């Protein structure tokens, strides 16, 4: 009986943690004009280069095994930074969407709901990508 309560408590805590992770820690943003200081820009070409399998194969063929592995870990850590930045930006957009959902204008509210849905999807994908990148760093 006690074991059941402990397992339920752990499940509730895990669910709360997961939902908190998806929602993010960004503070509320009342309107889009305040986004400038809260989001970070990304160099997508640099990110694509970091995760490009052809680039990885090129480096693998031309570097000694140990040197390649060290460089690959650095590249994965850099890619992880990019993904964490994307997740943080999505958390800010999630807050903007939540504010827009409360609008009196039905079109703004509907667009806010779309933004919330898209930002949540992006946060989930970022969480999955982070797991994959961490696994690549550890292996």
N, C-alpha and C. Protein backbone atom coordinates (compact mmCIF):
# COMPACT_ATOMS: atom_id res chain seq x y z
N UNK A 1 0.82 -1.19 0.00
CA UNK A 1 0.00 0.00 0.00
C UNK A 1 0.87 1.26 0.00
N UNK A 2 1.87 1.27 0.86
CA UNK A 2 2.77 2.42 0.93
C UNK A 2 3.55 2.54 -0.38
N UNK A 3 3.95 1.41 -0.93
CA UNK A 3 4.69 1.42 -2.19
C UNK A 3 3.85 2.06 -3.30
N UNK A 4 2.58 1.77 -3.31
CA UNK A 4 1.68 2.35 -4.31
C UNK A 4 1.65 3.87 -4.19
N UNK A 5 1.52 4.36 -2.96
CA UNK A 5 1.50 5.82 -2.74
C UNK A 5 2.81 6.46 -3.15
N UNK A 6 3.90 5.80 -2.85
CA UNK A 6 5.22 6.34 -3.23
C UNK A 6 5.34 6.39 -4.75
N UNK A 7 4.92 5.34 -5.43
CA UNK A 7 4.98 5.32 -6.89
C UNK A 7 4.08 6.39 -7.51
N UNK A 8 2.90 6.58 -6.94
CA UNK A 8 2.00 7.62 -7.44
C UNK A 8 2.61 9.00 -7.22
N UNK A 9 3.21 9.21 -6.07
CA UNK A 9 3.86 10.50 -5.78
C UNK A 9 5.01 10.76 -6.75
N UNK A 10 5.80 9.74 -7.02
CA UNK A 10 6.91 9.88 -7.97
C UNK A 10 6.38 10.19 -9.36
N UNK A 11 5.31 9.52 -9.76
CA UNK A 11 4.72 9.76 -11.08
C UNK A 11 4.19 11.19 -11.20
N UNK A 12 3.54 11.67 -10.15
CA UNK A 12 3.01 13.04 -10.16
C UNK A 12 4.15 14.05 -10.23
N UNK A 13 5.21 13.83 -9.46
CA UNK A 13 6.37 14.73 -9.50
C UNK A 13 7.04 14.70 -10.87
N UNK A 14 7.17 13.52 -11.46
CA UNK A 14 7.77 13.42 -12.79
C UNK A 14 6.92 14.15 -13.83
N UNK A 15 5.61 14.01 -13.73
CA UNK A 15 4.71 14.71 -14.65
C UNK A 15 4.83 16.22 -14.49
N UNK A 16 4.88 16.68 -13.25
CA UNK A 16 5.03 18.12 -13.00
C UNK A 16 6.35 18.63 -13.56
N UNK A 17 7.42 17.86 -13.37
CA UNK A 17 8.72 18.25 -13.90
C UNK A 17 8.68 18.30 -15.42
N UNK A 18 8.09 17.30 -16.04
CA UNK A 18 8.01 17.25 -17.50
C UNK A 18 7.20 18.42 -18.05
N UNK A 19 6.06 18.71 -17.44
CA UNK A 19 5.25 19.84 -17.90
C UNK A 19 5.97 21.17 -17.69
N UNK A 20 6.68 21.29 -16.58
CA UNK A 20 7.47 22.50 -16.33
C UNK A 20 8.57 22.66 -17.36
N UNK A 21 9.20 21.56 -17.72
CA UNK A 21 10.25 21.59 -18.73
C UNK A 21 9.68 22.00 -20.09
N UNK A 22 8.52 21.48 -20.43
CA UNK A 22 7.91 21.83 -21.71
C UNK A 22 7.48 23.29 -21.74
N UNK A 23 6.93 23.75 -20.65
CA UNK A 23 6.43 25.13 -20.61
C UNK A 23 7.57 26.12 -20.60
N UNK A 24 8.65 25.78 -19.94
CA UNK A 24 9.82 26.65 -19.91
C UNK A 24 9.81 27.58 -18.73
N UNK A 25 10.93 28.28 -18.59
CA UNK A 25 11.09 29.17 -17.46
C UNK A 25 11.06 30.64 -17.87
N UNK A 26 10.62 30.93 -19.05
CA UNK A 26 10.59 32.31 -19.52
C UNK A 26 9.53 33.09 -18.76
N UNK A 27 9.84 34.33 -18.45
CA UNK A 27 8.85 35.16 -17.78
C UNK A 27 7.80 35.61 -18.80
N UNK A 28 6.70 36.08 -18.28
CA UNK A 28 5.59 36.46 -19.15
C UNK A 28 5.98 37.61 -20.07
N UNK A 29 5.51 37.54 -21.30
CA UNK A 29 5.74 38.58 -22.29
C UNK A 29 4.36 39.07 -22.71
N UNK A 30 4.08 40.34 -22.43
CA UNK A 30 2.74 40.87 -22.69
C UNK A 30 2.48 41.08 -24.18
N UNK A 31 3.49 41.53 -24.92
CA UNK A 31 3.29 41.73 -26.35
C UNK A 31 4.59 41.47 -27.11
N UNK A 32 4.45 41.39 -28.41
CA UNK A 32 5.58 41.01 -29.26
C UNK A 32 6.69 42.06 -29.28
N UNK A 33 6.37 43.30 -28.92
CA UNK A 33 7.40 44.35 -28.95
C UNK A 33 8.50 44.12 -27.91
N UNK A 34 8.21 43.31 -26.90
CA UNK A 34 9.20 43.05 -25.85
C UNK A 34 10.02 41.79 -26.11
N UNK A 35 9.87 41.20 -27.28
CA UNK A 35 10.60 39.98 -27.61
C UNK A 35 12.09 40.23 -27.84
N UNK A 36 12.44 41.40 -28.31
CA UNK A 36 13.81 41.68 -28.74
C UNK A 36 14.85 41.33 -27.68
N UNK A 37 14.64 41.67 -26.46
CA UNK A 37 15.63 41.40 -25.42
C UNK A 37 15.53 40.01 -24.82
N UNK A 38 14.51 39.27 -25.15
CA UNK A 38 14.28 37.97 -24.52
C UNK A 38 14.67 36.77 -25.37
N UNK A 39 14.73 36.96 -26.67
CA UNK A 39 15.11 35.85 -27.54
C UNK A 39 16.54 36.03 -28.01
N UNK A 40 17.15 34.92 -28.42
CA UNK A 40 18.52 34.95 -28.93
C UNK A 40 18.50 34.50 -30.38
N UNK A 41 19.29 35.19 -31.19
CA UNK A 41 19.37 34.80 -32.60
C UNK A 41 20.31 33.61 -32.75
N UNK A 42 20.10 32.87 -33.83
CA UNK A 42 20.88 31.66 -34.09
C UNK A 42 21.47 31.72 -35.49
N UNK A 43 22.64 31.15 -35.64
CA UNK A 43 23.26 31.00 -36.96
C UNK A 43 22.91 29.60 -37.46
N UNK A 44 21.87 29.53 -38.27
CA UNK A 44 21.39 28.22 -38.74
C UNK A 44 22.39 27.50 -39.62
N UNK A 45 23.16 28.24 -40.41
CA UNK A 45 24.17 27.59 -41.25
C UNK A 45 25.24 26.92 -40.39
N UNK A 46 25.64 27.58 -39.31
CA UNK A 46 26.63 26.98 -38.41
C UNK A 46 26.05 25.74 -37.75
N UNK A 47 24.78 25.81 -37.32
CA UNK A 47 24.15 24.65 -36.70
C UNK A 47 24.06 23.49 -37.69
N UNK A 48 23.64 23.78 -38.91
CA UNK A 48 23.54 22.73 -39.92
C UNK A 48 24.89 22.08 -40.20
N UNK A 49 25.94 22.87 -40.16
CA UNK A 49 27.29 22.33 -40.35
C UNK A 49 27.66 21.40 -39.20
N UNK A 50 27.26 21.76 -37.99
CA UNK A 50 27.59 20.94 -36.82
C UNK A 50 26.91 19.57 -36.87
N UNK A 51 25.73 19.50 -37.43
CA UNK A 51 24.98 18.24 -37.44
C UNK A 51 24.96 17.57 -38.82
N UNK A 52 25.75 18.07 -39.74
CA UNK A 52 25.80 17.52 -41.10
C UNK A 52 26.53 16.18 -41.10
N UNK A 53 25.87 15.09 -41.50
CA UNK A 53 26.52 13.78 -41.53
C UNK A 53 27.69 13.72 -42.51
N UNK A 54 27.60 14.45 -43.62
CA UNK A 54 28.71 14.47 -44.58
C UNK A 54 29.95 15.10 -43.96
N UNK A 55 29.75 16.17 -43.21
CA UNK A 55 30.87 16.82 -42.53
C UNK A 55 31.48 15.88 -41.48
N UNK A 56 30.61 15.16 -40.78
CA UNK A 56 31.10 14.19 -39.79
C UNK A 56 31.92 13.10 -40.47
N UNK A 57 31.44 12.58 -41.58
CA UNK A 57 32.19 11.55 -42.32
C UNK A 57 33.52 12.09 -42.83
N UNK A 58 33.51 13.32 -43.32
CA UNK A 58 34.75 13.95 -43.80
C UNK A 58 35.78 14.01 -42.68
N UNK A 59 35.35 14.46 -41.51
CA UNK A 59 36.28 14.56 -40.37
C UNK A 59 36.74 13.18 -39.91
N UNK A 60 35.82 12.22 -39.91
CA UNK A 60 36.16 10.86 -39.48
C UNK A 60 37.24 10.25 -40.38
N UNK A 61 37.14 10.51 -41.67
CA UNK A 61 38.10 9.95 -42.62
C UNK A 61 39.47 10.60 -42.53
N UNK A 62 39.52 11.85 -42.11
CA UNK A 62 40.78 12.60 -42.17
C UNK A 62 41.48 12.80 -40.84
N UNK A 63 40.83 12.46 -39.74
CA UNK A 63 41.44 12.66 -38.43
C UNK A 63 41.70 11.32 -37.76
N UNK A 64 42.74 11.25 -36.93
CA UNK A 64 42.92 10.04 -36.12
C UNK A 64 41.71 9.84 -35.20
N UNK A 65 41.46 8.60 -34.85
CA UNK A 65 40.26 8.24 -34.08
C UNK A 65 40.08 9.08 -32.82
N UNK A 66 41.11 9.20 -32.00
CA UNK A 66 41.00 9.95 -30.76
C UNK A 66 40.74 11.43 -30.98
N UNK A 67 41.42 11.97 -31.97
CA UNK A 67 41.24 13.39 -32.29
C UNK A 67 39.83 13.65 -32.84
N UNK A 68 39.37 12.73 -33.69
CA UNK A 68 38.02 12.86 -34.23
C UNK A 68 36.98 12.83 -33.11
N UNK A 69 37.16 11.88 -32.18
CA UNK A 69 36.18 11.74 -31.09
C UNK A 69 36.13 12.99 -30.23
N UNK A 70 37.31 13.56 -29.92
CA UNK A 70 37.35 14.78 -29.11
C UNK A 70 36.67 15.94 -29.86
N UNK A 71 36.96 16.05 -31.15
CA UNK A 71 36.35 17.11 -31.95
C UNK A 71 34.85 16.90 -32.07
N UNK A 72 34.43 15.66 -32.24
CA UNK A 72 33.00 15.37 -32.37
C UNK A 72 32.25 15.72 -31.08
N UNK A 73 32.86 15.47 -29.94
CA UNK A 73 32.22 15.85 -28.67
C UNK A 73 32.06 17.37 -28.58
N UNK A 74 33.07 18.10 -29.01
CA UNK A 74 32.98 19.56 -29.02
C UNK A 74 31.86 20.02 -29.95
N UNK A 75 31.77 19.39 -31.11
CA UNK A 75 30.73 19.75 -32.06
C UNK A 75 29.34 19.44 -31.50
N UNK A 76 29.20 18.31 -30.82
CA UNK A 76 27.92 17.95 -30.22
C UNK A 76 27.55 18.91 -29.09
N UNK A 77 28.53 19.33 -28.30
CA UNK A 77 28.26 20.31 -27.23
C UNK A 77 27.80 21.64 -27.83
N UNK A 78 28.44 22.04 -28.91
CA UNK A 78 28.03 23.28 -29.58
C UNK A 78 26.61 23.15 -30.13
N UNK A 79 26.30 22.01 -30.73
CA UNK A 79 24.95 21.77 -31.24
C UNK A 79 23.94 21.77 -30.09
N UNK A 80 24.34 21.23 -28.95
CA UNK A 80 23.48 21.22 -27.77
C UNK A 80 23.17 22.65 -27.33
N UNK A 81 24.16 23.53 -27.37
CA UNK A 81 23.93 24.94 -27.03
C UNK A 81 22.89 25.56 -27.96
N UNK A 82 23.00 25.25 -29.25
CA UNK A 82 22.03 25.76 -30.21
C UNK A 82 20.62 25.26 -29.88
N UNK A 83 20.50 23.98 -29.60
CA UNK A 83 19.18 23.39 -29.32
C UNK A 83 18.61 23.98 -28.02
N UNK A 84 19.45 24.19 -27.02
CA UNK A 84 18.97 24.80 -25.78
C UNK A 84 18.50 26.23 -26.02
N UNK A 85 19.17 26.93 -26.90
CA UNK A 85 18.76 28.29 -27.26
C UNK A 85 17.41 28.27 -27.97
N UNK A 86 17.23 27.32 -28.87
CA UNK A 86 15.94 27.18 -29.56
C UNK A 86 14.84 26.89 -28.55
N UNK A 87 15.11 26.01 -27.59
CA UNK A 87 14.12 25.68 -26.58
C UNK A 87 13.76 26.90 -25.74
N UNK A 88 14.76 27.70 -25.39
CA UNK A 88 14.50 28.92 -24.62
C UNK A 88 13.68 29.92 -25.43
N UNK A 89 14.00 30.06 -26.71
CA UNK A 89 13.21 30.95 -27.57
C UNK A 89 11.77 30.45 -27.69
N UNK A 90 11.60 29.15 -27.79
CA UNK A 90 10.25 28.58 -27.87
C UNK A 90 9.48 28.84 -26.59
N UNK A 91 10.16 28.82 -25.44
CA UNK A 91 9.48 29.11 -24.18
C UNK A 91 8.97 30.55 -24.16
N UNK A 92 9.76 31.47 -24.70
CA UNK A 92 9.32 32.87 -24.78
C UNK A 92 8.11 32.98 -25.71
N UNK A 93 8.18 32.32 -26.86
CA UNK A 93 7.06 32.37 -27.79
C UNK A 93 5.81 31.72 -27.20
N UNK A 94 6.01 30.72 -26.38
CA UNK A 94 4.89 30.08 -25.69
C UNK A 94 4.18 31.10 -24.80
N UNK A 95 4.95 31.92 -24.10
CA UNK A 95 4.35 32.96 -23.25
C UNK A 95 3.60 34.00 -24.10
N UNK A 96 4.16 34.36 -25.24
CA UNK A 96 3.48 35.31 -26.13
C UNK A 96 2.16 34.71 -26.60
N UNK A 97 2.19 33.44 -26.98
CA UNK A 97 0.98 32.77 -27.43
C UNK A 97 -0.07 32.68 -26.33
N UNK A 98 0.38 32.43 -25.10
CA UNK A 98 -0.56 32.37 -23.98
C UNK A 98 -1.21 33.73 -23.77
N UNK A 99 -0.44 34.80 -23.90
CA UNK A 99 -1.01 36.15 -23.76
C UNK A 99 -1.99 36.43 -24.89
N UNK A 100 -1.65 36.02 -26.11
CA UNK A 100 -2.53 36.26 -27.26
C UNK A 100 -3.82 35.45 -27.16
N UNK A 101 -3.74 34.28 -26.55
CA UNK A 101 -4.95 33.45 -26.40
C UNK A 101 -6.02 34.15 -25.57
N UNK A 102 -5.60 35.04 -24.69
CA UNK A 102 -6.55 35.74 -23.82
C UNK A 102 -7.15 36.98 -24.48
N UNK A 103 -6.85 37.20 -25.73
CA UNK A 103 -7.34 38.38 -26.44
C UNK A 103 -8.85 38.29 -26.67
N UNK A 104 -9.46 39.47 -26.74
CA UNK A 104 -10.89 39.55 -27.05
C UNK A 104 -11.16 39.22 -28.52
N UNK A 105 -10.19 39.54 -29.36
CA UNK A 105 -10.32 39.30 -30.81
C UNK A 105 -10.16 37.81 -31.08
N UNK A 106 -11.17 37.16 -31.66
CA UNK A 106 -11.09 35.71 -31.90
C UNK A 106 -9.94 35.31 -32.83
N UNK A 107 -9.60 36.17 -33.80
CA UNK A 107 -8.49 35.84 -34.70
C UNK A 107 -7.16 35.85 -33.96
N UNK A 108 -6.99 36.84 -33.08
CA UNK A 108 -5.76 36.91 -32.29
C UNK A 108 -5.70 35.72 -31.33
N UNK A 109 -6.83 35.38 -30.72
CA UNK A 109 -6.86 34.24 -29.80
C UNK A 109 -6.54 32.94 -30.54
N UNK A 110 -7.09 32.78 -31.74
CA UNK A 110 -6.81 31.56 -32.52
C UNK A 110 -5.34 31.50 -32.93
N UNK A 111 -4.79 32.63 -33.34
CA UNK A 111 -3.37 32.67 -33.70
C UNK A 111 -2.51 32.40 -32.47
N UNK A 112 -2.92 32.92 -31.32
CA UNK A 112 -2.21 32.64 -30.08
C UNK A 112 -2.21 31.16 -29.76
N UNK A 113 -3.35 30.50 -29.98
CA UNK A 113 -3.42 29.06 -29.74
C UNK A 113 -2.50 28.30 -30.68
N UNK A 114 -2.45 28.72 -31.94
CA UNK A 114 -1.52 28.08 -32.89
C UNK A 114 -0.08 28.26 -32.46
N UNK A 115 0.24 29.46 -31.97
CA UNK A 115 1.60 29.73 -31.51
C UNK A 115 1.94 28.87 -30.30
N UNK A 116 1.00 28.72 -29.38
CA UNK A 116 1.22 27.86 -28.21
C UNK A 116 1.47 26.42 -28.66
N UNK A 117 0.63 25.93 -29.56
CA UNK A 117 0.78 24.54 -30.04
C UNK A 117 2.13 24.33 -30.72
N UNK A 118 2.50 25.27 -31.58
CA UNK A 118 3.77 25.15 -32.30
C UNK A 118 4.96 25.25 -31.35
N UNK A 119 4.88 26.18 -30.40
CA UNK A 119 5.98 26.33 -29.43
C UNK A 119 6.12 25.09 -28.57
N UNK A 120 5.00 24.49 -28.17
CA UNK A 120 5.08 23.24 -27.39
C UNK A 120 5.69 22.11 -28.22
N UNK A 121 5.29 22.01 -29.49
CA UNK A 121 5.89 21.00 -30.37
C UNK A 121 7.40 21.21 -30.46
N UNK A 122 7.80 22.46 -30.65
CA UNK A 122 9.22 22.77 -30.75
C UNK A 122 9.96 22.43 -29.47
N UNK A 123 9.35 22.70 -28.33
CA UNK A 123 9.98 22.36 -27.04
C UNK A 123 10.15 20.84 -26.92
N UNK A 124 9.15 20.09 -27.35
CA UNK A 124 9.25 18.62 -27.30
C UNK A 124 10.38 18.13 -28.21
N UNK A 125 10.42 18.65 -29.43
CA UNK A 125 11.49 18.25 -30.36
C UNK A 125 12.86 18.63 -29.80
N UNK A 126 12.95 19.80 -29.18
CA UNK A 126 14.22 20.23 -28.60
C UNK A 126 14.62 19.31 -27.45
N UNK A 127 13.66 18.91 -26.64
CA UNK A 127 13.95 17.99 -25.54
C UNK A 127 14.46 16.65 -26.08
N UNK A 128 13.84 16.15 -27.12
CA UNK A 128 14.29 14.89 -27.74
C UNK A 128 15.68 15.05 -28.35
N UNK A 129 15.90 16.17 -29.02
CA UNK A 129 17.22 16.42 -29.63
C UNK A 129 18.29 16.53 -28.55
N UNK A 130 17.96 17.16 -27.43
CA UNK A 130 18.94 17.27 -26.34
C UNK A 130 19.32 15.89 -25.82
N UNK A 131 18.34 15.01 -25.69
CA UNK A 131 18.64 13.65 -25.25
C UNK A 131 19.56 12.93 -26.23
N UNK A 132 19.28 13.09 -27.51
CA UNK A 132 20.12 12.46 -28.53
C UNK A 132 21.53 13.03 -28.51
N UNK A 133 21.65 14.34 -28.36
CA UNK A 133 22.98 14.96 -28.32
C UNK A 133 23.76 14.55 -27.07
N UNK A 134 23.08 14.50 -25.93
CA UNK A 134 23.75 14.04 -24.71
C UNK A 134 24.24 12.60 -24.87
N UNK A 135 23.42 11.76 -25.50
CA UNK A 135 23.82 10.37 -25.73
C UNK A 135 25.05 10.33 -26.64
N UNK A 136 25.07 11.15 -27.67
CA UNK A 136 26.23 11.21 -28.56
C UNK A 136 27.49 11.67 -27.86
N UNK A 137 27.35 12.58 -26.91
CA UNK A 137 28.50 13.06 -26.15
C UNK A 137 29.03 11.97 -25.24
N UNK A 138 28.13 11.21 -24.63
CA UNK A 138 28.54 10.18 -23.67
C UNK A 138 29.11 8.93 -24.33
N UNK A 139 28.65 8.63 -25.53
CA UNK A 139 29.09 7.39 -26.19
C UNK A 139 30.47 7.56 -26.78
